[in-house]
Amino acid sequence: MVMKMIISASRRTDIPAFYAQWFMDKVKKGRVVVYNPFNGQKREISLKTENVDAIVFWSKNFGPLIPHLRELKDKYRLYFLFTITGLSGILEDNVISVEKAIKQFIEISRIFSPGHVQWRFDPIVITSATGPEFYLKNFTYLARRLQGHTRRCYISFATLYGKVKRSFDQLSKEKGIGLILWDEQERREFANQLGRIASEYGITVYSCCSDYLVGEFVRKGSCVDVDAINELYSCDIKVPINPTRPGCGCYKSVDIGVYNTCPHGCRYCYANSNIIKAKENYLSHDPFSDFLIARE
């Protein structure tokens, strides 16, 4: 018997933006093949309706997937995490404009409901080009535009993995943009400032993998939130909390994405170690392959 599961599409790459055709082919076939990124173990995942509890989409650009949403709505329970930061052209090299993203966000909210689509203002990266005033202005504008179209906003500060530090070292050489490091107290105060602003527009701010941000205006978040999905769909999905990293409050899901395949070019990205390789993988992928990119 195949166990039902939540599909995550995906923390590792932007499937709606770049691999919508591939994903819809997998829906048609009712299966997808994934490889464990750490040990290379192959696993076949069923996408048959009866074997999927829900699909959680993560994206900065839902445009290519939107034409398929009504078809998917008839098959699955869907939940959306839509990242809009206002960093396009600064720390995000190839991300669509804020206005295009807002338009898509509102369209998804109208097809489903404000409860189905969550706003991610994430991650926050304080730099010489994106200081506190930059973020306050962007956040306030976005909260006002998204008012009535979402109820939640997820935030975190960028985690400076080795690959991320190297990316910012390169950015400093290219554009003279330098990182500014804040301590936890500075971050907590700023996060609650954002939470206070969001509350004026009917939006609650949640932390992502950052319990230290929790305060009067910030709650601990579960990005893959079974309680929210159960409430939206009047269902009773039962899966455990299964953190993907310290502080994560997500419930168990199976990610069908692949690292080093997203061409967005975000300088803070943990999922790409090499943007050139990511672009090459994207350009060479076969939308009719069971696996997202060819195995080497």
Protein backbone atom coordinates (compact mmCIF):
# COMPACT_ATOMS: atom_id res chain seq x y z
CA MET A 1 0.00 0.00 0.00
CA VAL A 2 1.32 3.47 -0.94
CA MET A 3 1.35 5.91 1.97
CA LYS A 4 -0.22 9.30 1.31
CA MET A 5 2.13 12.25 1.59
CA ILE A 6 2.49 15.99 1.20
CA ILE A 7 4.47 16.99 -1.90
CA SER A 8 6.80 19.98 -1.61
CA ALA A 9 7.44 21.65 -4.98
CA SER A 10 9.98 22.87 -4.00
CA ARG A 11 12.46 24.26 -1.51
CA ARG A 12 15.32 23.16 -3.77
CA THR A 13 14.33 24.99 -6.95
CA ASP A 14 11.51 27.08 -8.39
CA ILE A 15 9.29 24.51 -10.10
CA PRO A 16 6.37 26.87 -10.95
CA ALA A 17 8.70 29.42 -12.56
CA PHE A 18 10.98 27.13 -14.57
CA TYR A 19 9.61 23.59 -14.58
CA ALA A 20 5.83 23.92 -14.88
CA GLN A 21 5.72 21.86 -18.08
CA TRP A 22 7.83 19.15 -16.45
CA PHE A 23 5.58 19.13 -13.41
CA MET A 24 2.37 18.86 -15.42
CA ASP A 25 3.86 15.96 -17.39
CA LYS A 26 4.53 14.20 -14.08
CA VAL A 27 0.95 14.86 -12.99
CA LYS A 28 -0.25 13.27 -16.22
CA LYS A 29 2.01 10.24 -15.66
CA GLY A 30 1.10 10.04 -11.98
CA ARG A 31 4.68 9.64 -10.82
CA VAL A 32 8.00 11.37 -10.38
CA VAL A 33 11.51 10.13 -9.61
CA VAL A 34 13.62 11.90 -7.00
CA TYR A 35 17.16 11.31 -5.83
CA ASN A 36 18.33 11.95 -2.29
CA PRO A 37 20.77 14.89 -2.67
CA PHE A 38 23.06 13.46 0.02
CA ASN A 39 23.31 9.76 -0.77
CA GLY A 40 21.98 9.61 -4.35
CA GLN A 41 19.35 7.01 -3.49
CA LYS A 42 16.59 6.80 -6.09
CA ARG A 43 12.95 6.94 -5.08
CA GLU A 44 9.74 6.90 -7.09
CA ILE A 45 6.99 9.15 -5.74
CA SER A 46 3.36 8.67 -6.70
CA LEU A 47 1.48 11.77 -7.83
CA LYS A 48 -1.81 9.91 -8.17
CA THR A 49 -4.59 11.86 -6.50
CA GLU A 50 -5.33 9.10 -4.01
CA ASN A 51 -1.70 9.08 -2.84
CA VAL A 52 -1.22 12.82 -2.33
CA ASP A 53 -2.46 14.60 0.81
CA ALA A 54 -1.60 18.04 -0.58
CA ILE A 55 0.90 19.89 -2.78
CA VAL A 56 2.80 22.86 -1.35
CA PHE A 57 4.21 25.14 -4.05
CA TRP A 58 7.09 27.55 -3.39
CA SER A 59 7.87 30.22 -6.01
CA LYS A 60 8.89 33.74 -6.93
CA ASN A 61 7.00 33.49 -10.23
CA PHE A 62 3.81 31.44 -10.58
CA GLY A 63 3.12 32.76 -14.08
CA PRO A 64 3.90 29.54 -16.02
CA LEU A 65 1.82 27.45 -13.59
CA ILE A 66 -1.24 29.71 -13.31
CA PRO A 67 -2.87 28.39 -16.56
CA HIS A 68 -2.83 24.91 -14.98
CA LEU A 69 -4.17 25.82 -11.55
CA ARG A 70 -7.81 25.07 -12.24
CA GLU A 71 -6.89 21.62 -13.55
CA LEU A 72 -4.72 21.00 -10.49
CA LYS A 73 -7.45 22.37 -8.21
CA ASP A 74 -9.77 19.61 -9.42
CA LYS A 75 -7.19 16.93 -8.50
CA TYR A 76 -5.33 18.06 -5.39
CA ARG A 77 -5.37 20.15 -2.26
CA LEU A 78 -3.03 23.05 -3.08
CA TYR A 79 -1.17 25.46 -0.80
CA PHE A 80 1.02 28.33 -2.03
CA LEU A 81 4.11 30.06 -0.63
CA PHE A 82 4.79 33.12 -2.80
CA THR A 83 8.05 35.02 -2.23
CA ILE A 84 7.96 38.75 -2.97
CA THR A 85 10.82 40.79 -1.51
CA GLY A 86 11.39 43.79 -3.77
CA LEU A 87 15.03 42.72 -4.21
CA SER A 88 14.81 42.13 -7.98
CA GLY A 89 17.77 43.75 -9.73
CA ILE A 90 19.67 44.17 -6.46
CA LEU A 91 20.13 40.78 -4.80
CA GLU A 92 17.92 38.84 -7.22
CA ASP A 93 19.35 38.91 -10.73
CA ASN A 94 16.54 37.31 -12.75
CA VAL A 95 13.36 37.63 -10.67
CA ILE A 96 10.18 39.18 -12.10
CA SER A 97 9.15 42.68 -11.07
CA VAL A 98 7.18 43.36 -7.91
CA GLU A 99 4.18 44.51 -9.93
CA LYS A 100 4.04 41.29 -11.97
CA ALA A 101 4.38 39.24 -8.79
CA ILE A 102 1.60 41.16 -7.05
CA LYS A 103 -0.70 40.62 -10.04
CA GLN A 104 -0.03 36.86 -9.95
CA PHE A 105 -0.51 36.76 -6.19
CA ILE A 106 -3.91 38.40 -6.41
CA GLU A 107 -4.96 36.07 -9.24
CA ILE A 108 -4.10 32.97 -7.19
CA SER A 109 -5.89 34.40 -4.17
CA ARG A 110 -9.02 34.93 -6.26
CA ILE A 111 -8.90 31.42 -7.76
CA PHE A 112 -8.55 29.91 -4.27
CA SER A 113 -8.78 32.22 -1.23
CA PRO A 114 -6.58 34.55 0.83
CA GLY A 115 -5.98 31.61 3.16
CA HIS A 116 -4.45 29.45 0.44
CA VAL A 117 -1.61 31.77 -0.59
CA GLN A 118 1.03 32.87 1.90
CA TRP A 119 3.42 35.78 1.36
CA ARG A 120 7.12 35.18 2.01
CA PHE A 121 9.13 38.34 2.61
CA ASP A 122 12.16 36.18 2.93
CA PRO A 123 15.03 36.30 3.46
CA ILE A 124 15.88 39.71 4.83
CA VAL A 125 19.46 40.61 3.93
CA ILE A 126 20.81 43.83 5.39
CA THR A 127 23.41 45.30 3.06
CA SER A 128 24.83 48.66 2.07
CA ALA A 129 22.15 48.76 -0.68
CA THR A 130 19.27 47.23 1.29
CA GLY A 131 19.20 48.76 4.72
CA PRO A 132 16.33 49.04 7.22
CA GLU A 133 14.62 51.97 5.48
CA PHE A 134 14.67 50.06 2.18
CA TYR A 135 12.95 47.10 3.80
CA LEU A 136 10.43 49.15 5.74
CA LYS A 137 9.39 50.99 2.58
CA ASN A 138 9.14 47.78 0.52
CA PHE A 139 7.36 45.85 3.22
CA THR A 140 4.78 48.56 3.86
CA TYR A 141 4.05 48.90 0.14
CA LEU A 142 3.69 45.16 -0.32
CA ALA A 143 1.53 44.71 2.77
CA ARG A 144 -0.80 47.43 1.52
CA ARG A 145 -1.03 45.90 -1.97
CA LEU A 146 -1.59 42.37 -0.64
CA GLN A 147 -4.16 43.42 1.95
CA GLY A 148 -7.21 41.20 1.66
CA HIS A 149 -5.37 38.70 -0.54
CA THR A 150 -3.38 36.89 2.16
CA ARG A 151 -3.46 36.46 5.93
CA ARG A 152 0.13 35.45 6.60
CA CYS A 153 3.66 36.66 5.94
CA TYR A 154 6.75 34.54 6.64
CA ILE A 155 10.10 36.18 7.36
CA SER A 156 13.64 35.19 8.24
CA PHE A 157 17.12 36.64 7.96
CA ALA A 158 19.49 35.04 5.46
CA THR A 159 21.59 32.15 6.74
CA LEU A 160 25.19 32.75 5.72
CA TYR A 161 26.28 29.30 4.58
CA GLY A 162 29.72 29.08 2.98
CA LYS A 163 28.25 29.20 -0.54
CA VAL A 164 26.21 32.28 0.40
CA LYS A 165 29.26 34.08 1.80
CA ARG A 166 31.14 33.36 -1.42
CA SER A 167 28.23 34.76 -3.41
CA PHE A 168 28.26 37.99 -1.41
CA ASP A 169 32.03 38.27 -1.71
CA GLN A 170 31.53 38.17 -5.47
CA LEU A 171 28.69 40.71 -5.26
CA SER A 172 30.95 43.07 -3.32
CA LYS A 173 33.57 42.84 -6.07
CA GLU A 174 30.99 43.30 -8.85
CA LYS A 175 28.76 46.02 -7.42
CA GLY A 176 30.35 47.21 -4.19
CA ILE A 177 27.42 45.94 -2.14
CA GLY A 178 28.54 44.75 1.28
CA LEU A 179 26.79 42.74 3.98
CA ILE A 180 25.87 44.38 7.27
CA LEU A 181 25.63 41.92 10.15
CA TRP A 182 23.01 42.42 12.87
CA ASP A 183 22.86 40.63 16.18
CA GLU A 184 19.76 38.71 17.29
CA GLN A 185 18.36 41.61 19.31
CA GLU A 186 18.52 43.98 16.33
CA ARG A 187 16.85 41.37 14.15
CA ARG A 188 14.12 40.68 16.71
CA GLU A 189 13.27 44.35 17.09
CA PHE A 190 13.13 44.84 13.33
CA ALA A 191 11.02 41.72 12.80
CA ASN A 192 8.47 42.92 15.33
CA GLN A 193 8.46 46.32 13.65
CA LEU A 194 7.49 44.55 10.42
CA GLY A 195 4.90 42.54 12.32
CA ARG A 196 3.34 45.70 13.68
CA ILE A 197 3.08 47.17 10.18
CA ALA A 198 1.60 43.94 8.77
CA SER A 199 -1.05 43.84 11.50
CA GLU A 200 -2.41 47.17 10.22
CA TYR A 201 -3.22 45.40 6.93
CA GLY A 202 -4.76 42.26 8.43
CA ILE A 203 -1.61 40.15 7.96
CA THR A 204 0.11 38.14 10.69
CA VAL A 205 3.89 37.72 10.53
CA TYR A 206 5.43 34.30 11.21
CA SER A 207 9.10 33.42 11.66
CA CYS A 208 10.76 30.81 9.42
CA CYS A 209 13.44 28.77 11.23
CA SER A 210 14.09 31.72 13.55
CA ASP A 211 12.49 31.23 16.95
CA TYR A 212 14.46 34.18 18.35
CA LEU A 213 12.32 36.51 16.20
CA VAL A 214 9.11 35.53 17.99
CA GLY A 215 7.61 38.41 19.92
CA GLU A 216 4.49 40.52 20.32
CA PHE A 217 3.94 40.80 16.56
CA VAL A 218 5.74 37.67 15.30
CA ARG A 219 4.57 34.08 15.75
CA LYS A 220 6.53 30.86 15.24
CA GLY A 221 5.82 29.63 11.74
CA SER A 222 5.30 26.32 9.97
CA CYS A 223 5.73 26.96 6.25
CA VAL A 224 4.38 23.50 5.42
CA ASP A 225 1.46 23.88 7.81
CA VAL A 226 -0.84 20.88 8.11
CA ASP A 227 -3.15 22.66 10.54
CA ALA A 228 -3.75 25.42 7.99
CA ILE A 229 -4.29 22.92 5.17
CA ASN A 230 -6.73 20.90 7.27
CA GLU A 231 -8.69 24.04 8.08
CA LEU A 232 -8.78 25.22 4.46
CA TYR A 233 -9.94 21.88 3.08
CA SER A 234 -11.94 20.57 6.06
CA CYS A 235 -9.76 17.46 6.06
CA ASP A 236 -7.73 15.54 8.64
CA ILE A 237 -4.19 15.05 7.31
CA LYS A 238 -2.03 13.50 9.99
CA VAL A 239 1.74 13.82 9.57
CA PRO A 240 4.41 14.71 12.14
CA ILE A 241 6.48 17.86 12.35
CA ASN A 242 9.71 17.09 10.50
CA PRO A 243 12.24 19.98 10.64
CA THR A 244 14.47 20.44 7.62
CA ARG A 245 16.95 22.49 9.68
CA PRO A 246 17.22 23.93 13.22
CA GLY A 247 14.17 25.99 14.17
CA CYS A 248 12.05 24.68 11.29
CA GLY A 249 8.41 24.06 12.21
CA CYS A 250 7.36 22.36 8.97
CA TYR A 251 5.34 19.17 8.85
CA LYS A 252 6.66 16.16 6.95
CA SER A 253 6.69 16.45 3.17
CA VAL A 254 8.58 14.98 0.22
CA ASP A 255 10.52 17.47 -1.88
CA ILE A 256 10.61 16.70 -5.61
CA GLY A 257 13.07 19.45 -6.60
CA VAL A 258 16.80 19.37 -7.29
CA TYR A 259 19.56 21.66 -6.06
CA ASN A 260 21.54 23.74 -8.57
CA THR A 261 18.66 24.07 -11.05
CA CYS A 262 17.18 27.52 -10.33
CA PRO A 263 18.28 30.37 -12.68
CA HIS A 264 16.81 33.19 -10.58
CA GLY A 265 20.33 34.16 -9.51
CA CYS A 266 19.47 35.21 -5.94
CA ARG A 267 22.69 36.10 -4.15
CA TYR A 268 21.44 34.73 -0.81
CA CYS A 269 20.38 31.34 -2.24
CA TYR A 270 21.28 28.21 -0.27
CA ALA A 271 20.01 25.86 -3.02
CA ASN A 272 22.58 26.85 -5.67
CA SER A 273 26.30 26.44 -5.18
CA ASN A 274 27.00 27.61 -8.74
CA ILE A 275 24.64 29.84 -10.73
CA ILE A 276 26.33 28.96 -14.02
CA LYS A 277 25.73 25.27 -13.37
CA ALA A 278 22.15 26.03 -12.34
CA LYS A 279 21.50 27.80 -15.65
CA GLU A 280 23.11 24.97 -17.60
CA ASN A 281 20.95 22.41 -15.80
CA TYR A 282 17.82 24.42 -16.52
CA LEU A 283 18.63 24.80 -20.22
CA SER A 284 19.43 21.10 -20.62
CA HIS A 285 16.48 19.65 -18.69
CA ASP A 286 13.97 17.40 -20.43
CA PRO A 287 10.35 18.24 -19.49
CA PHE A 288 9.34 14.66 -20.26
CA SER A 289 11.99 13.01 -18.09
CA ASP A 290 10.90 11.32 -14.86
CA PHE A 291 13.72 13.16 -13.06
CA LEU A 292 14.12 16.93 -13.17
CA ILE A 293 17.62 16.84 -14.69
CA ALA A 294 19.73 14.06 -16.19
CA ARG A 295 21.78 12.12 -13.68
CA GLU A 296 25.52 12.51 -14.11
